Amino acid sequence: MRFSVLASGSSGNAIYIENDQHSFLVDVGLSGRKMEELFASIGKKMSDLDGILVTHEHSDHIKGIGIVARKYKVPIYANEKTWMAMDGLVGAIPTDQRFHFPMDAVKTFGSIDIESFAVSHDAADPMFYVFHENGRKLALITDTGYVSDRMKGVIQAADSFVFESNHDVGMLQMGRYPWSVKRRILSDVGHVSNEDAAVAMSEVMAEKPTRIYLSHLSKDNNMKDLARMSVEQTLQMKGIIVGDYVDLLDTDANVPTPLVTV
């Protein structure tokens, strides 16, 4: 199983996952043209996709779903409430391309099992996914105000994580956003801060080689170096030294991460 974080952030999100038989996209938060460019940059074709998995209906996760679905005839998977919330936002999607992926369920595609789980975000019924194949595990978790014990149980001991590290609390509090937006981001249905993300990471990592992609960084209230430093320092306080068996990696709004094996 291989994956690439094609884009991550408030301007658009998309994650590509494949094995030798199947390929999937989690969210399409950029235009169809931009998605084609991102796919080309990792040597892949959107016409080969077997499915698109939707996490929730916010624009930075579904902007390009309609055009991609119609152009490439790709099956779209989302839970019932998310479908209802998306329907007025993505245009017409043919019935034979609309599939339900319930919350807290597992769907199997060949040797890949895809598990859905709830997160805490201000959307209709937001959920993320864990991919399992041959004892290897890829956990995707962003767009959540906190990481609950239930979430931790689902993502526990993954080999690779795409983990939200959205903001630095000090930058957010001192920044230009109106208080209503700050309060929303800091709430239980907002986004996880660098420090809170690191604490959650320390509680779900196993003592084995682990790759963590810091994702969904705020362009106004965070910086890559700051996120990495904050996460690394918090992990160190928890007795986890980055570089021993943990690799911290960056994601970007415009540049895909290299396609790597889980």
C-alpha atoms as a PDB file:
ATOM      1  CA  MET A   1       0.000   0.000   0.000  1.00  0.00           C
ATOM      2  CA  ARG A   2       1.316   3.421  -1.021  1.00  0.00           C
ATOM      3  CA  PHE A   3       0.078   6.976  -0.500  1.00  0.00           C
ATOM      4  CA  SER A   4       0.736  10.643  -1.193  1.00  0.00           C
ATOM      5  CA  VAL A   5      -0.718  13.720   0.494  1.00  0.00           C
ATOM      6  CA  LEU A   6      -1.511  15.635  -2.679  1.00  0.00           C
ATOM      7  CA  ALA A   7      -2.642  18.794  -0.881  1.00  0.00           C
ATOM      8  CA  SER A   8      -3.359  19.760   2.703  1.00  0.00           C
ATOM      9  CA  GLY A   9      -4.682  22.994   4.191  1.00  0.00           C
ATOM     10  CA  SER A  10      -7.582  25.411   4.134  1.00  0.00           C
ATOM     11  CA  SER A  11      -7.116  25.998   0.400  1.00  0.00           C
ATOM     12  CA  GLY A  12      -7.761  22.341  -0.433  1.00  0.00           C
ATOM     13  CA  ASN A  13      -7.250  18.756   0.694  1.00  0.00           C
ATOM     14  CA  ALA A  14      -6.707  15.496  -1.153  1.00  0.00           C
ATOM     15  CA  ILE A  15      -4.907  12.239  -0.260  1.00  0.00           C
ATOM     16  CA  TYR A  16      -4.110   9.475  -2.744  1.00  0.00           C
ATOM     17  CA  ILE A  17      -3.870   5.808  -1.673  1.00  0.00           C
ATOM     18  CA  GLU A  18      -3.139   2.780  -3.854  1.00  0.00           C
ATOM     19  CA  ASN A  19      -1.972  -0.794  -3.990  1.00  0.00           C
ATOM     20  CA  ASP A  20      -1.294  -2.976  -7.012  1.00  0.00           C
ATOM     21  CA  GLN A  21      -5.014  -3.538  -7.648  1.00  0.00           C
ATOM     22  CA  HIS A  22      -6.884  -0.425  -6.503  1.00  0.00           C
ATOM     23  CA  SER A  23      -6.485   3.318  -6.105  1.00  0.00           C
ATOM     24  CA  PHE A  24      -8.495   5.808  -4.053  1.00  0.00           C
ATOM     25  CA  LEU A  25      -8.714   9.494  -3.344  1.00  0.00           C
ATOM     26  CA  VAL A  26      -9.802  10.864   0.018  1.00  0.00           C
ATOM     27  CA  ASP A  27     -11.474  14.231  -0.678  1.00  0.00           C
ATOM     28  CA  VAL A  28     -11.174  16.475  -3.718  1.00  0.00           C
ATOM     29  CA  GLY A  29     -10.775  19.948  -2.292  1.00  0.00           C
ATOM     30  CA  LEU A  30      -9.244  21.584  -5.365  1.00  0.00           C
ATOM     31  CA  SER A  31     -10.397  22.266  -8.917  1.00  0.00           C
ATOM     32  CA  GLY A  32     -10.468  19.451 -11.445  1.00  0.00           C
ATOM     33  CA  ARG A  33      -7.613  21.030 -13.397  1.00  0.00           C
ATOM     34  CA  LYS A  34      -5.446  21.375 -10.284  1.00  0.00           C
ATOM     35  CA  MET A  35      -6.171  17.781  -9.319  1.00  0.00           C
ATOM     36  CA  GLU A  36      -5.013  16.601 -12.750  1.00  0.00           C
ATOM     37  CA  GLU A  37      -1.764  18.546 -12.287  1.00  0.00           C
ATOM     38  CA  LEU A  38      -1.191  16.997  -8.871  1.00  0.00           C
ATOM     39  CA  PHE A  39      -1.837  13.497 -10.189  1.00  0.00           C
ATOM     40  CA  ALA A  40       0.544  14.057 -13.083  1.00  0.00           C
ATOM     41  CA  SER A  41       3.236  15.216 -10.658  1.00  0.00           C
ATOM     42  CA  ILE A  42       3.214  11.791  -8.943  1.00  0.00           C
ATOM     43  CA  GLY A  43       2.909   9.896 -12.232  1.00  0.00           C
ATOM     44  CA  LYS A  44      -0.719   8.825 -11.804  1.00  0.00           C
ATOM     45  CA  LYS A  45      -3.961   9.203 -13.798  1.00  0.00           C
ATOM     46  CA  MET A  46      -7.330  10.137 -12.363  1.00  0.00           C
ATOM     47  CA  SER A  47      -8.983   7.851 -14.887  1.00  0.00           C
ATOM     48  CA  ASP A  48      -7.565   4.877 -12.952  1.00  0.00           C
ATOM     49  CA  LEU A  49      -9.314   5.768  -9.678  1.00  0.00           C
ATOM     50  CA  ASP A  50     -11.581   3.134  -8.151  1.00  0.00           C
ATOM     51  CA  GLY A  51     -13.285   5.500  -5.743  1.00  0.00           C
ATOM     52  CA  ILE A  52     -13.358   8.833  -3.954  1.00  0.00           C
ATOM     53  CA  LEU A  53     -13.992   8.799  -0.204  1.00  0.00           C
ATOM     54  CA  VAL A  54     -15.511  11.952   1.285  1.00  0.00           C
ATOM     55  CA  THR A  55     -14.790  13.068   4.847  1.00  0.00           C
ATOM     56  CA  HIS A  56     -17.230  16.000   5.104  1.00  0.00           C
ATOM     57  CA  GLU A  57     -18.898  18.686   3.039  1.00  0.00           C
ATOM     58  CA  HIS A  58     -16.661  21.741   3.640  1.00  0.00           C
ATOM     59  CA  SER A  59     -15.468  23.346   0.420  1.00  0.00           C
ATOM     60  CA  ASP A  60     -11.777  22.657   1.005  1.00  0.00           C
ATOM     61  CA  HIS A  61     -12.637  18.941   0.888  1.00  0.00           C
ATOM     62  CA  ILE A  62     -15.251  18.720  -1.896  1.00  0.00           C
ATOM     63  CA  LYS A  63     -14.579  21.603  -4.293  1.00  0.00           C
ATOM     64  CA  GLY A  64     -13.638  19.361  -7.220  1.00  0.00           C
ATOM     65  CA  ILE A  65     -15.720  16.261  -6.488  1.00  0.00           C
ATOM     66  CA  GLY A  66     -18.529  17.051  -8.922  1.00  0.00           C
ATOM     67  CA  ILE A  67     -16.356  17.723 -11.962  1.00  0.00           C
ATOM     68  CA  VAL A  68     -14.029  14.791 -11.254  1.00  0.00           C
ATOM     69  CA  ALA A  69     -16.948  12.399 -10.721  1.00  0.00           C
ATOM     70  CA  ARG A  70     -18.652  13.420 -13.941  1.00  0.00           C
ATOM     71  CA  LYS A  71     -15.499  13.535 -16.085  1.00  0.00           C
ATOM     72  CA  TYR A  72     -13.960  10.257 -14.929  1.00  0.00           C
ATOM     73  CA  LYS A  73     -17.091   8.295 -13.864  1.00  0.00           C
ATOM     74  CA  VAL A  74     -15.553   7.646 -10.445  1.00  0.00           C
ATOM     75  CA  PRO A  75     -17.690   6.112  -7.657  1.00  0.00           C
ATOM     76  CA  ILE A  76     -18.161   8.507  -4.716  1.00  0.00           C
ATOM     77  CA  TYR A  77     -18.488   7.209  -1.143  1.00  0.00           C
ATOM     78  CA  ALA A  78     -19.904   9.253   1.743  1.00  0.00           C
ATOM     79  CA  ASN A  79     -22.225   8.745   4.676  1.00  0.00           C
ATOM     80  CA  GLU A  80     -25.908   9.663   4.393  1.00  0.00           C
ATOM     81  CA  LYS A  81     -25.800  13.018   6.195  1.00  0.00           C
ATOM     82  CA  THR A  82     -22.747  14.110   4.220  1.00  0.00           C
ATOM     83  CA  TRP A  83     -24.482  13.216   0.955  1.00  0.00           C
ATOM     84  CA  MET A  84     -27.449  15.338   2.005  1.00  0.00           C
ATOM     85  CA  ALA A  85     -25.177  18.252   2.932  1.00  0.00           C
ATOM     86  CA  MET A  86     -23.187  17.960  -0.322  1.00  0.00           C
ATOM     87  CA  ASP A  87     -26.086  17.679  -2.718  1.00  0.00           C
ATOM     88  CA  GLY A  88     -26.504  21.398  -3.315  1.00  0.00           C
ATOM     89  CA  LEU A  89     -22.754  21.991  -3.496  1.00  0.00           C
ATOM     90  CA  VAL A  90     -21.297  19.542  -6.019  1.00  0.00           C
ATOM     91  CA  GLY A  91     -23.836  19.507  -8.853  1.00  0.00           C
ATOM     92  CA  ALA A  92     -25.497  16.424 -10.269  1.00  0.00           C
ATOM     93  CA  ILE A  93     -23.754  13.104  -9.663  1.00  0.00           C
ATOM     94  CA  PRO A  94     -25.291  10.081 -11.428  1.00  0.00           C
ATOM     95  CA  THR A  95     -27.101   7.636  -9.176  1.00  0.00           C
ATOM     96  CA  ASP A  96     -24.861   4.751 -10.216  1.00  0.00           C
ATOM     97  CA  GLN A  97     -21.823   6.665  -8.895  1.00  0.00           C
ATOM     98  CA  ARG A  98     -23.346   7.468  -5.489  1.00  0.00           C
ATOM     99  CA  PHE A  99     -22.465   5.019  -2.711  1.00  0.00           C
ATOM    100  CA  HIS A 100     -23.057   5.110   1.019  1.00  0.00           C
ATOM    101  CA  PHE A 101     -20.158   4.516   3.403  1.00  0.00           C
ATOM    102  CA  PRO A 102     -21.683   4.436   6.897  1.00  0.00           C
ATOM    103  CA  MET A 103     -19.974   5.763   9.982  1.00  0.00           C
ATOM    104  CA  ASP A 104     -17.982   3.183  11.983  1.00  0.00           C
ATOM    105  CA  ALA A 105     -18.007   0.682   9.132  1.00  0.00           C
ATOM    106  CA  VAL A 106     -15.463  -1.286   7.120  1.00  0.00           C
ATOM    107  CA  LYS A 107     -15.518  -1.730   3.352  1.00  0.00           C
ATOM    108  CA  THR A 108     -13.203  -4.186   1.630  1.00  0.00           C
ATOM    109  CA  PHE A 109     -11.658  -3.678  -1.793  1.00  0.00           C
ATOM    110  CA  GLY A 110      -9.501  -6.688  -2.636  1.00  0.00           C
ATOM    111  CA  SER A 111      -6.755  -6.820   0.004  1.00  0.00           C
ATOM    112  CA  ILE A 112      -7.487  -3.318   1.397  1.00  0.00           C
ATOM    113  CA  ASP A 113      -9.918  -2.796   4.269  1.00  0.00           C
ATOM    114  CA  ILE A 114     -11.087   0.798   4.717  1.00  0.00           C
ATOM    115  CA  GLU A 115     -12.470   1.711   8.139  1.00  0.00           C
ATOM    116  CA  SER A 116     -14.490   4.875   8.805  1.00  0.00           C
ATOM    117  CA  PHE A 117     -14.660   6.651  12.150  1.00  0.00           C
ATOM    118  CA  ALA A 118     -16.245   9.815  13.551  1.00  0.00           C
ATOM    119  CA  VAL A 119     -14.354  13.032  14.247  1.00  0.00           C
ATOM    120  CA  SER A 120     -15.514  16.203  16.007  1.00  0.00           C
ATOM    121  CA  HIS A 121     -15.962  19.026  13.516  1.00  0.00           C
ATOM    122  CA  ASP A 122     -18.673  21.539  12.602  1.00  0.00           C
ATOM    123  CA  ALA A 123     -19.999  19.573   9.667  1.00  0.00           C
ATOM    124  CA  ALA A 124     -23.065  17.376   9.142  1.00  0.00           C
ATOM    125  CA  ASP A 125     -21.466  14.015  10.022  1.00  0.00           C
ATOM    126  CA  PRO A 126     -17.682  14.235   9.598  1.00  0.00           C
ATOM    127  CA  MET A 127     -15.597  11.083   9.469  1.00  0.00           C
ATOM    128  CA  PHE A 128     -12.115   9.998   8.470  1.00  0.00           C
ATOM    129  CA  TYR A 129     -10.566   6.731   7.418  1.00  0.00           C
ATOM    130  CA  VAL A 130      -8.011   4.092   8.310  1.00  0.00           C
ATOM    131  CA  PHE A 131      -6.588   1.857   5.563  1.00  0.00           C
ATOM    132  CA  HIS A 132      -5.477  -1.683   6.446  1.00  0.00           C
ATOM    133  CA  GLU A 133      -3.547  -4.129   4.266  1.00  0.00           C
ATOM    134  CA  ASN A 134      -1.486  -7.178   5.230  1.00  0.00           C
ATOM    135  CA  GLY A 135      -0.929  -5.986   8.783  1.00  0.00           C
ATOM    136  CA  ARG A 136       0.049  -2.455   7.727  1.00  0.00           C
ATOM    137  CA  LYS A 137      -2.033   0.541   8.735  1.00  0.00           C
ATOM    138  CA  LEU A 138      -2.446   4.104   7.424  1.00  0.00           C
ATOM    139  CA  ALA A 139      -4.515   6.475   9.610  1.00  0.00           C
ATOM    140  CA  LEU A 140      -5.919   9.771   8.342  1.00  0.00           C
ATOM    141  CA  ILE A 141      -7.196  12.252  10.934  1.00  0.00           C
ATOM    142  CA  THR A 142      -7.680  15.976  10.388  1.00  0.00           C
ATOM    143  CA  ASP A 143     -10.551  18.436  10.853  1.00  0.00           C
ATOM    144  CA  THR A 144     -11.307  17.576  14.450  1.00  0.00           C
ATOM    145  CA  GLY A 145     -11.484  19.816  17.498  1.00  0.00           C
ATOM    146  CA  TYR A 146     -10.032  17.132  19.734  1.00  0.00           C
ATOM    147  CA  VAL A 147      -8.902  13.505  19.552  1.00  0.00           C
ATOM    148  CA  SER A 148     -11.203  11.371  21.699  1.00  0.00           C
ATOM    149  CA  ASP A 149     -10.377   8.038  23.289  1.00  0.00           C
ATOM    150  CA  ARG A 150     -12.582   6.385  20.683  1.00  0.00           C
ATOM    151  CA  MET A 151     -10.633   8.004  17.836  1.00  0.00           C
ATOM    152  CA  LYS A 152      -7.370   7.000  19.481  1.00  0.00           C
ATOM    153  CA  GLY A 153      -8.549   3.407  19.657  1.00  0.00           C
ATOM    154  CA  VAL A 154      -9.249   3.337  15.915  1.00  0.00           C
ATOM    155  CA  ILE A 155      -5.969   4.940  14.805  1.00  0.00           C
ATOM    156  CA  GLN A 156      -3.799   3.220  17.433  1.00  0.00           C
ATOM    157  CA  ALA A 157      -0.443   1.821  16.305  1.00  0.00           C
ATOM    158  CA  ALA A 158      -0.657   2.915  12.674  1.00  0.00           C
ATOM    159  CA  ASP A 159       2.514   2.647  10.614  1.00  0.00           C
ATOM    160  CA  SER A 160       1.837   6.016   8.967  1.00  0.00           C
ATOM    161  CA  PHE A 161      -0.339   8.910  10.110  1.00  0.00           C
ATOM    162  CA  VAL A 162      -1.662  11.959   8.308  1.00  0.00           C
ATOM    163  CA  PHE A 163      -2.322  13.940  11.464  1.00  0.00           C
ATOM    164  CA  GLU A 164      -3.777  17.418  11.858  1.00  0.00           C
ATOM    165  CA  SER A 165      -1.473  20.030  13.416  1.00  0.00           C
ATOM    166  CA  ASN A 166      -3.560  23.034  12.521  1.00  0.00           C
ATOM    167  CA  HIS A 167      -2.499  26.020  14.574  1.00  0.00           C
ATOM    168  CA  ASP A 168      -0.278  27.544  17.196  1.00  0.00           C
ATOM    169  CA  VAL A 169      -2.582  28.759  19.963  1.00  0.00           C
ATOM    170  CA  GLY A 170      -0.558  31.932  20.596  1.00  0.00           C
ATOM    171  CA  MET A 171      -0.504  32.906  16.912  1.00  0.00           C
ATOM    172  CA  LEU A 172      -4.229  32.281  16.653  1.00  0.00           C
ATOM    173  CA  GLN A 173      -5.079  34.297  19.751  1.00  0.00           C
ATOM    174  CA  MET A 174      -2.932  37.252  18.635  1.00  0.00           C
ATOM    175  CA  GLY A 175      -3.894  37.037  14.973  1.00  0.00           C
ATOM    176  CA  ARG A 176      -6.254  38.980  12.739  1.00  0.00           C
ATOM    177  CA  TYR A 177      -9.217  36.591  12.813  1.00  0.00           C
ATOM    178  CA  PRO A 178     -12.424  37.867  14.451  1.00  0.00           C
ATOM    179  CA  TRP A 179     -13.125  36.376  17.856  1.00  0.00           C
ATOM    180  CA  SER A 180     -16.025  34.312  16.508  1.00  0.00           C
ATOM    181  CA  VAL A 181     -13.662  32.492  14.133  1.00  0.00           C
ATOM    182  CA  LYS A 182     -10.985  32.063  16.808  1.00  0.00           C
ATOM    183  CA  ARG A 183     -13.568  30.595  19.160  1.00  0.00           C
ATOM    184  CA  ARG A 184     -14.742  28.181  16.476  1.00  0.00           C
ATOM    185  CA  ILE A 185     -11.179  26.974  15.706  1.00  0.00           C
ATOM    186  CA  LEU A 186     -10.380  26.512  19.407  1.00  0.00           C
ATOM    187  CA  SER A 187     -13.654  24.704  20.126  1.00  0.00           C
ATOM    188  CA  ASP A 188     -14.302  20.963  20.298  1.00  0.00           C
ATOM    189  CA  VAL A 189     -15.686  21.141  16.744  1.00  0.00           C
ATOM    190  CA  GLY A 190     -12.808  23.175  15.324  1.00  0.00           C
ATOM    191  CA  HIS A 191      -9.211  22.144  14.696  1.00  0.00           C
ATOM    192  CA  VAL A 192      -6.434  20.542  16.749  1.00  0.00           C
ATOM    193  CA  SER A 193      -3.482  22.693  17.829  1.00  0.00           C
ATOM    194  CA  ASN A 194       0.162  21.668  17.482  1.00  0.00           C
ATOM    195  CA  GLU A 195       0.511  20.768  21.157  1.00  0.00           C
ATOM    196  CA  ASP A 196      -2.785  18.887  21.429  1.00  0.00           C
ATOM    197  CA  ALA A 197      -1.961  16.967  18.265  1.00  0.00           C
ATOM    198  CA  ALA A 198       1.402  15.939  19.696  1.00  0.00           C
ATOM    199  CA  VAL A 199      -0.146  14.745  22.964  1.00  0.00           C
ATOM    200  CA  ALA A 200      -2.587  12.596  20.988  1.00  0.00           C
ATOM    201  CA  MET A 201       0.240  11.285  18.805  1.00  0.00           C
ATOM    202  CA  SER A 202       2.180  10.225  21.885  1.00  0.00           C
ATOM    203  CA  GLU A 203      -0.808   8.172  23.028  1.00  0.00           C
ATOM    204  CA  VAL A 204      -1.406   6.287  19.772  1.00  0.00           C
ATOM    205  CA  MET A 205       2.109   5.520  18.500  1.00  0.00           C
ATOM    206  CA  ALA A 206       3.586   2.075  18.947  1.00  0.00           C
ATOM    207  CA  GLU A 207       7.314   1.522  19.445  1.00  0.00           C
ATOM    208  CA  LYS A 208       8.022   0.732  15.814  1.00  0.00           C
ATOM    209  CA  PRO A 209       9.063   2.778  12.776  1.00  0.00           C
ATOM    210  CA  THR A 210       6.323   5.380  12.368  1.00  0.00           C
ATOM    211  CA  ARG A 211       5.898   8.113   9.782  1.00  0.00           C
ATOM    212  CA  ILE A 212       3.792  11.168  10.739  1.00  0.00           C
ATOM    213  CA  TYR A 213       2.736  13.795   8.216  1.00  0.00           C
ATOM    214  CA  LEU A 214       1.811  17.064   9.938  1.00  0.00           C
ATOM    215  CA  SER A 215      -1.222  18.232   7.996  1.00  0.00           C
ATOM    216  CA  HIS A 216      -3.922  20.855   7.554  1.00  0.00           C
ATOM    217  CA  LEU A 217      -1.595  23.605   8.846  1.00  0.00           C
ATOM    218  CA  SER A 218      -3.225  27.028   8.989  1.00  0.00           C
ATOM    219  CA  LYS A 219      -1.575  29.456   6.593  1.00  0.00           C
ATOM    220  CA  ASP A 220      -2.312  32.352   8.992  1.00  0.00           C
ATOM    221  CA  ASN A 221      -1.867  30.750  12.407  1.00  0.00           C
ATOM    222  CA  ASN A 222       0.968  28.269  11.957  1.00  0.00           C
ATOM    223  CA  MET A 223       4.272  27.660  10.194  1.00  0.00           C
ATOM    224  CA  LYS A 224       5.920  24.406   9.186  1.00  0.00           C
ATOM    225  CA  ASP A 225       8.993  24.981  11.340  1.00  0.00           C
ATOM    226  CA  LEU A 226       6.876  26.020  14.322  1.00  0.00           C
ATOM    227  CA  ALA A 227       4.561  23.026  13.989  1.00  0.00           C
ATOM    228  CA  ARG A 228       7.471  20.639  13.728  1.00  0.00           C
ATOM    229  CA  MET A 229       9.272  22.216  16.712  1.00  0.00           C
ATOM    230  CA  SER A 230       6.136  22.243  18.885  1.00  0.00           C
ATOM    231  CA  VAL A 231       5.254  18.639  18.076  1.00  0.00           C
ATOM    232  CA  GLU A 232       8.833  17.464  18.533  1.00  0.00           C
ATOM    233  CA  GLN A 233       9.193  19.204  21.914  1.00  0.00           C
ATOM    234  CA  THR A 234       5.883  17.849  23.199  1.00  0.00           C
ATOM    235  CA  LEU A 235       6.755  14.326  22.076  1.00  0.00           C
ATOM    236  CA  GLN A 236      10.112  14.644  23.784  1.00  0.00           C
ATOM    237  CA  MET A 237       8.379  15.577  27.042  1.00  0.00           C
ATOM    238  CA  LYS A 238       6.401  12.350  26.623  1.00  0.00           C
ATOM    239  CA  GLY A 239       9.620  10.367  26.226  1.00  0.00           C
ATOM    240  CA  ILE A 240       9.468  10.039  22.433  1.00  0.00           C
ATOM    241  CA  ILE A 241      12.518  11.240  20.526  1.00  0.00           C
ATOM    242  CA  VAL A 242      11.931  12.150  16.889  1.00  0.00           C
ATOM    243  CA  GLY A 243      14.513  10.344  14.804  1.00  0.00           C
ATOM    244  CA  ASP A 244      14.671   7.233  16.989  1.00  0.00           C
ATOM    245  CA  TYR A 245      11.759   5.482  15.320  1.00  0.00           C
ATOM    246  CA  VAL A 246       9.494   8.446  14.528  1.00  0.00           C
ATOM    247  CA  ASP A 247       9.788  10.580  11.389  1.00  0.00           C
ATOM    248  CA  LEU A 248       7.964  13.922  11.225  1.00  0.00           C
ATOM    249  CA  LEU A 249       7.214  15.107   7.708  1.00  0.00           C
ATOM    250  CA  ASP A 250       5.612  18.202   6.207  1.00  0.00           C
ATOM    251  CA  THR A 251       2.631  18.539   3.914  1.00  0.00           C
ATOM    252  CA  ASP A 252       1.893  21.415   1.572  1.00  0.00           C
ATOM    253  CA  ALA A 253      -1.076  23.145  -0.001  1.00  0.00           C
ATOM    254  CA  ASN A 254       0.380  22.892  -3.508  1.00  0.00           C
ATOM    255  CA  VAL A 255       3.152  20.283  -3.602  1.00  0.00           C
ATOM    256  CA  PRO A 256       2.367  16.563  -3.133  1.00  0.00           C
ATOM    257  CA  THR A 257       4.430  14.459  -0.787  1.00  0.00           C
ATOM    258  CA  PRO A 258       6.385  11.681  -2.510  1.00  0.00           C
ATOM    259  CA  LEU A 259       4.454   8.470  -3.098  1.00  0.00           C
ATOM    260  CA  VAL A 260       5.699   6.161  -0.310  1.00  0.00           C
ATOM    261  CA  THR A 261       4.936   2.694   0.979  1.00  0.00           C
ATOM    262  CA  VAL A 262       3.048   2.453   4.260  1.00  0.00           C
END
